[in-house]
């Protein structure tokens, strides 16, 4: 799993690439923990390069979202490939997360 980060107008963008599963979730969890130490914690997770997620990955994202919301922020997802999107729909986590087609849309949602 590859992690790339950038900061745009006070929003942390995490770009992931590869399989997001129990073997690769730890660095993402560590990153989200550190990103939610400041307030407000605005995080966009770009999953364009992610081909697979498992329950550990989903749990990692849910934990990050909860921590961000506790810090008066939010965690939003964008650019999900169809197989990944289907997992979010099957687990009904598409109702818990705000999911955007593109990164720009996710970033704009923080300012609206």
N, C-alpha and C. Protein backbone atom coordinates (compact mmCIF):
# COMPACT_ATOMS: atom_id res chain seq x y z
N UNK A 1 0.85 -1.18 0.00
CA UNK A 1 0.00 0.00 0.00
C UNK A 1 0.89 1.23 0.00
N UNK A 2 0.52 2.16 -0.85
CA UNK A 2 1.22 3.43 -0.93
C UNK A 2 0.34 4.52 -0.35
N UNK A 3 0.95 5.40 0.47
CA UNK A 3 0.24 6.54 1.05
C UNK A 3 0.91 7.81 0.58
N UNK A 4 0.12 8.73 0.06
CA UNK A 4 0.62 10.05 -0.31
C UNK A 4 -0.29 11.07 0.35
N UNK A 5 0.31 12.14 0.82
CA UNK A 5 -0.49 13.17 1.49
C UNK A 5 -0.21 14.54 0.90
N UNK A 6 -1.19 15.38 1.05
CA UNK A 6 -1.03 16.79 0.69
C UNK A 6 -2.02 17.59 1.53
N UNK A 7 -1.78 18.88 1.61
CA UNK A 7 -2.66 19.77 2.37
C UNK A 7 -3.14 20.86 1.44
N UNK A 8 -4.46 21.03 1.40
CA UNK A 8 -5.07 22.03 0.52
C UNK A 8 -6.06 22.84 1.36
N UNK A 9 -5.76 24.11 1.56
CA UNK A 9 -6.67 25.01 2.28
C UNK A 9 -7.12 24.45 3.63
N UNK A 10 -6.20 23.92 4.40
CA UNK A 10 -6.52 23.41 5.72
C UNK A 10 -7.13 22.01 5.75
N UNK A 11 -7.20 21.37 4.59
CA UNK A 11 -7.75 20.02 4.50
C UNK A 11 -6.60 19.06 4.19
N UNK A 12 -6.54 17.98 4.95
CA UNK A 12 -5.54 16.95 4.71
C UNK A 12 -6.12 15.96 3.71
N UNK A 13 -5.38 15.71 2.65
CA UNK A 13 -5.80 14.74 1.64
C UNK A 13 -4.86 13.54 1.72
N UNK A 14 -5.45 12.37 1.90
CA UNK A 14 -4.70 11.13 1.95
C UNK A 14 -5.06 10.33 0.70
N UNK A 15 -4.06 10.07 -0.12
CA UNK A 15 -4.26 9.27 -1.33
C UNK A 15 -3.69 7.88 -1.08
N UNK A 16 -4.51 6.87 -1.30
CA UNK A 16 -4.08 5.49 -1.07
C UNK A 16 -4.02 4.74 -2.39
N UNK A 17 -3.10 3.79 -2.45
CA UNK A 17 -2.97 2.98 -3.66
C UNK A 17 -2.62 1.55 -3.27
N UNK A 18 -3.34 0.59 -3.86
CA UNK A 18 -3.08 -0.82 -3.61
C UNK A 18 -4.21 -1.46 -2.83
N UNK A 19 -3.92 -2.58 -2.21
CA UNK A 19 -4.91 -3.28 -1.37
C UNK A 19 -4.91 -2.63 0.01
N UNK A 20 -6.11 -2.36 0.50
CA UNK A 20 -6.28 -1.78 1.83
C UNK A 20 -6.92 -2.86 2.67
N UNK A 21 -6.09 -3.56 3.44
CA UNK A 21 -6.59 -4.70 4.21
C UNK A 21 -5.86 -4.79 5.55
N UNK A 22 -6.06 -5.89 6.26
CA UNK A 22 -5.48 -6.06 7.59
C UNK A 22 -3.96 -5.94 7.59
N UNK A 23 -3.33 -6.29 6.48
CA UNK A 23 -1.87 -6.24 6.40
C UNK A 23 -1.34 -4.83 6.13
N UNK A 24 -2.19 -3.96 5.63
CA UNK A 24 -1.73 -2.62 5.24
C UNK A 24 -2.43 -1.49 5.99
N UNK A 25 -3.36 -1.83 6.88
CA UNK A 25 -4.18 -0.81 7.55
C UNK A 25 -3.42 -0.01 8.61
N UNK A 26 -2.41 -0.58 9.20
CA UNK A 26 -1.73 0.08 10.32
C UNK A 26 -1.17 1.46 9.98
N UNK A 27 -0.45 1.62 8.86
CA UNK A 27 0.05 2.96 8.54
C UNK A 27 -1.08 3.97 8.30
N UNK A 28 -2.17 3.51 7.74
CA UNK A 28 -3.31 4.41 7.51
C UNK A 28 -3.91 4.82 8.85
N UNK A 29 -4.06 3.87 9.76
CA UNK A 29 -4.59 4.17 11.09
C UNK A 29 -3.68 5.16 11.82
N UNK A 30 -2.38 4.93 11.75
CA UNK A 30 -1.42 5.85 12.38
C UNK A 30 -1.54 7.25 11.79
N UNK A 31 -1.63 7.33 10.45
CA UNK A 31 -1.76 8.62 9.80
C UNK A 31 -3.04 9.32 10.25
N UNK A 32 -4.16 8.60 10.24
CA UNK A 32 -5.44 9.22 10.63
C UNK A 32 -5.42 9.66 12.09
N UNK A 33 -4.76 8.88 12.93
CA UNK A 33 -4.65 9.27 14.34
C UNK A 33 -3.92 10.61 14.45
N UNK A 34 -2.80 10.74 13.76
CA UNK A 34 -2.03 11.99 13.81
C UNK A 34 -2.78 13.15 13.16
N UNK A 35 -3.50 12.87 12.09
CA UNK A 35 -4.23 13.92 11.38
C UNK A 35 -5.41 14.45 12.19
N UNK A 36 -5.86 13.67 13.16
CA UNK A 36 -7.00 14.10 13.98
C UNK A 36 -6.58 14.66 15.33
N UNK A 37 -5.30 14.96 15.49
CA UNK A 37 -4.85 15.55 16.75
C UNK A 37 -5.17 17.04 16.83
N UNK A 38 -5.30 17.68 15.67
CA UNK A 38 -5.59 19.11 15.68
C UNK A 38 -7.07 19.34 15.37
N UNK A 39 -7.52 20.53 15.71
CA UNK A 39 -8.94 20.86 15.53
C UNK A 39 -9.06 22.09 14.65
N UNK A 40 -9.93 22.13 13.68
CA UNK A 40 -10.79 21.04 13.22
C UNK A 40 -10.00 20.06 12.34
N UNK A 41 -10.42 18.82 12.35
CA UNK A 41 -9.74 17.77 11.59
C UNK A 41 -10.53 17.49 10.32
N UNK A 42 -10.11 18.13 9.24
CA UNK A 42 -10.74 17.93 7.94
C UNK A 42 -9.85 17.00 7.11
N UNK A 43 -10.40 15.84 6.74
CA UNK A 43 -9.62 14.84 6.02
C UNK A 43 -10.43 14.32 4.84
N UNK A 44 -9.79 14.30 3.68
CA UNK A 44 -10.37 13.66 2.50
C UNK A 44 -9.49 12.47 2.15
N UNK A 45 -10.11 11.32 1.99
CA UNK A 45 -9.37 10.11 1.64
C UNK A 45 -9.71 9.76 0.19
N UNK A 46 -8.70 9.83 -0.66
CA UNK A 46 -8.85 9.53 -2.07
C UNK A 46 -8.51 8.06 -2.28
N UNK A 47 -9.53 7.29 -2.67
CA UNK A 47 -9.36 5.84 -2.84
C UNK A 47 -9.26 5.43 -4.30
N UNK A 48 -8.89 6.36 -5.18
CA UNK A 48 -8.83 6.06 -6.62
C UNK A 48 -7.91 4.89 -6.93
N UNK A 49 -6.83 4.75 -6.18
CA UNK A 49 -5.87 3.69 -6.45
C UNK A 49 -6.09 2.42 -5.65
N UNK A 50 -7.18 2.36 -4.88
CA UNK A 50 -7.44 1.20 -4.03
C UNK A 50 -8.30 0.20 -4.80
N UNK A 51 -7.84 -1.03 -4.86
CA UNK A 51 -8.54 -2.06 -5.61
C UNK A 51 -9.34 -3.01 -4.72
N UNK A 52 -9.06 -2.98 -3.41
CA UNK A 52 -9.72 -3.91 -2.49
C UNK A 52 -9.70 -3.33 -1.09
N UNK A 53 -10.80 -3.49 -0.35
CA UNK A 53 -10.85 -3.16 1.07
C UNK A 53 -11.45 -4.34 1.82
N UNK A 54 -10.98 -4.57 3.03
CA UNK A 54 -11.57 -5.60 3.87
C UNK A 54 -12.16 -4.95 5.13
N UNK A 55 -12.62 -5.77 6.05
CA UNK A 55 -13.28 -5.25 7.24
C UNK A 55 -12.33 -4.42 8.11
N UNK A 56 -11.06 -4.76 8.13
CA UNK A 56 -10.09 -3.97 8.90
C UNK A 56 -9.94 -2.58 8.30
N UNK A 57 -9.91 -2.50 6.98
CA UNK A 57 -9.82 -1.21 6.31
C UNK A 57 -11.06 -0.37 6.61
N UNK A 58 -12.22 -0.99 6.53
CA UNK A 58 -13.46 -0.27 6.82
C UNK A 58 -13.46 0.24 8.25
N UNK A 59 -13.04 -0.60 9.17
CA UNK A 59 -12.97 -0.21 10.58
C UNK A 59 -11.99 0.95 10.79
N UNK A 60 -10.88 0.92 10.08
CA UNK A 60 -9.89 1.99 10.16
C UNK A 60 -10.50 3.32 9.72
N UNK A 61 -11.23 3.30 8.63
CA UNK A 61 -11.87 4.52 8.12
C UNK A 61 -12.96 5.01 9.06
N UNK A 62 -13.75 4.10 9.61
CA UNK A 62 -14.81 4.48 10.55
C UNK A 62 -14.19 5.12 11.80
N UNK A 63 -13.13 4.53 12.31
CA UNK A 63 -12.45 5.10 13.49
C UNK A 63 -11.91 6.48 13.18
N UNK A 64 -11.31 6.64 12.02
CA UNK A 64 -10.80 7.95 11.61
C UNK A 64 -11.91 8.98 11.50
N UNK A 65 -13.06 8.56 10.95
CA UNK A 65 -14.19 9.47 10.82
C UNK A 65 -14.69 9.90 12.20
N UNK A 66 -14.79 8.96 13.12
CA UNK A 66 -15.25 9.28 14.47
C UNK A 66 -14.30 10.26 15.16
N UNK A 67 -13.01 10.01 15.04
CA UNK A 67 -12.02 10.91 15.66
C UNK A 67 -12.09 12.29 15.02
N UNK A 68 -12.23 12.35 13.70
CA UNK A 68 -12.32 13.65 13.02
C UNK A 68 -13.55 14.42 13.50
N UNK A 69 -14.66 13.75 13.64
CA UNK A 69 -15.89 14.41 14.08
C UNK A 69 -15.78 14.86 15.54
N UNK A 70 -15.05 14.13 16.36
CA UNK A 70 -14.82 14.56 17.74
C UNK A 70 -13.98 15.82 17.79
N UNK A 71 -13.20 16.04 16.74
CA UNK A 71 -12.35 17.23 16.64
C UNK A 71 -12.99 18.30 15.76
N UNK A 72 -14.33 18.31 15.73
CA UNK A 72 -15.10 19.31 14.99
C UNK A 72 -14.79 19.33 13.50
N UNK A 73 -14.43 18.17 12.95
CA UNK A 73 -14.14 18.05 11.53
C UNK A 73 -14.94 16.93 10.92
N UNK A 74 -14.38 16.33 9.89
CA UNK A 74 -15.03 15.19 9.23
C UNK A 74 -14.01 14.48 8.36
N UNK A 75 -14.32 13.26 7.98
CA UNK A 75 -13.53 12.49 7.05
C UNK A 75 -14.45 12.13 5.90
N UNK A 76 -14.05 12.51 4.70
CA UNK A 76 -14.86 12.24 3.51
C UNK A 76 -14.06 11.39 2.54
N UNK A 77 -14.78 10.60 1.77
CA UNK A 77 -14.15 9.70 0.81
C UNK A 77 -14.42 10.16 -0.60
N UNK A 78 -13.49 9.84 -1.50
CA UNK A 78 -13.71 10.18 -2.91
C UNK A 78 -13.02 9.18 -3.82
N UNK A 79 -13.47 9.18 -5.06
CA UNK A 79 -12.84 8.44 -6.15
C UNK A 79 -12.82 6.93 -5.94
N UNK A 80 -13.90 6.37 -5.44
CA UNK A 80 -13.96 4.93 -5.21
C UNK A 80 -14.13 4.18 -6.52
N UNK A 81 -13.30 3.16 -6.73
CA UNK A 81 -13.49 2.28 -7.87
C UNK A 81 -14.75 1.44 -7.62
N UNK A 82 -15.36 0.95 -8.67
CA UNK A 82 -16.62 0.22 -8.55
C UNK A 82 -16.58 -0.93 -7.54
N UNK A 83 -15.56 -1.82 -7.55
CA UNK A 83 -15.56 -2.92 -6.57
C UNK A 83 -15.51 -2.41 -5.12
N UNK A 84 -14.76 -1.34 -4.89
CA UNK A 84 -14.67 -0.77 -3.55
C UNK A 84 -16.00 -0.12 -3.18
N UNK A 85 -16.59 0.59 -4.11
CA UNK A 85 -17.90 1.23 -3.87
C UNK A 85 -18.94 0.17 -3.50
N UNK A 86 -18.89 -0.98 -4.17
CA UNK A 86 -19.86 -2.05 -3.89
C UNK A 86 -19.71 -2.56 -2.46
N UNK A 87 -18.48 -2.62 -1.95
CA UNK A 87 -18.28 -3.07 -0.57
C UNK A 87 -18.90 -2.07 0.40
N UNK A 88 -18.73 -0.78 0.13
CA UNK A 88 -19.36 0.23 0.98
C UNK A 88 -20.88 0.12 0.93
N UNK A 89 -21.43 -0.16 -0.23
CA UNK A 89 -22.88 -0.30 -0.37
C UNK A 89 -23.38 -1.55 0.34
N UNK A 90 -22.67 -2.67 0.18
CA UNK A 90 -23.09 -3.93 0.82
C UNK A 90 -23.06 -3.83 2.34
N UNK A 91 -22.10 -3.10 2.88
CA UNK A 91 -21.99 -2.94 4.33
C UNK A 91 -22.80 -1.75 4.84
N UNK A 92 -23.43 -1.03 3.91
CA UNK A 92 -24.23 0.15 4.18
C UNK A 92 -23.42 1.31 4.76
N UNK A 93 -22.10 1.24 4.63
CA UNK A 93 -21.26 2.33 5.09
C UNK A 93 -21.33 3.53 4.14
N UNK A 94 -21.93 3.32 2.98
CA UNK A 94 -22.15 4.47 2.08
C UNK A 94 -23.15 5.44 2.69
N UNK A 95 -23.89 5.00 3.70
CA UNK A 95 -24.83 5.87 4.42
C UNK A 95 -24.12 6.64 5.54
N UNK A 96 -23.01 6.09 6.04
CA UNK A 96 -22.28 6.72 7.15
C UNK A 96 -21.29 7.77 6.65
N UNK A 97 -20.68 7.50 5.51
CA UNK A 97 -19.67 8.40 4.94
C UNK A 97 -20.28 9.27 3.85
N UNK A 98 -19.73 10.47 3.73
CA UNK A 98 -20.02 11.27 2.55
C UNK A 98 -19.01 10.82 1.50
N UNK A 99 -19.52 10.34 0.37
CA UNK A 99 -18.68 9.81 -0.69
C UNK A 99 -18.87 10.67 -1.93
N UNK A 100 -17.76 11.10 -2.51
CA UNK A 100 -17.79 11.99 -3.67
C UNK A 100 -17.11 11.33 -4.85
N UNK A 101 -17.59 11.67 -6.04
CA UNK A 101 -17.02 11.11 -7.27
C UNK A 101 -15.59 11.60 -7.49
N UNK A 102 -15.34 12.87 -7.19
CA UNK A 102 -14.02 13.44 -7.42
C UNK A 102 -13.45 14.12 -6.19
N UNK A 103 -12.14 14.29 -6.19
CA UNK A 103 -11.46 14.91 -5.06
C UNK A 103 -11.88 16.38 -4.89
N UNK A 104 -12.00 17.10 -5.99
CA UNK A 104 -12.40 18.50 -5.92
C UNK A 104 -13.76 18.67 -5.24
N UNK A 105 -14.69 17.76 -5.56
CA UNK A 105 -16.01 17.82 -4.93
C UNK A 105 -15.92 17.59 -3.42
N UNK A 106 -15.10 16.64 -3.02
CA UNK A 106 -14.93 16.36 -1.60
C UNK A 106 -14.34 17.56 -0.87
N UNK A 107 -13.36 18.20 -1.49
CA UNK A 107 -12.74 19.38 -0.88
C UNK A 107 -13.72 20.54 -0.79
N UNK A 108 -14.50 20.75 -1.83
CA UNK A 108 -15.48 21.84 -1.82
C UNK A 108 -16.55 21.62 -0.74
N UNK A 109 -16.88 20.38 -0.45
CA UNK A 109 -17.91 20.08 0.55
C UNK A 109 -17.50 20.55 1.94
N UNK A 110 -16.19 20.65 2.19
CA UNK A 110 -15.73 21.13 3.49
C UNK A 110 -15.97 22.62 3.66
N UNK A 111 -16.03 23.34 2.55
CA UNK A 111 -16.19 24.80 2.63
C UNK A 111 -17.63 25.25 2.45
N UNK A 112 -18.54 24.32 2.14
CA UNK A 112 -19.94 24.73 1.95
C UNK A 112 -20.72 24.66 3.23
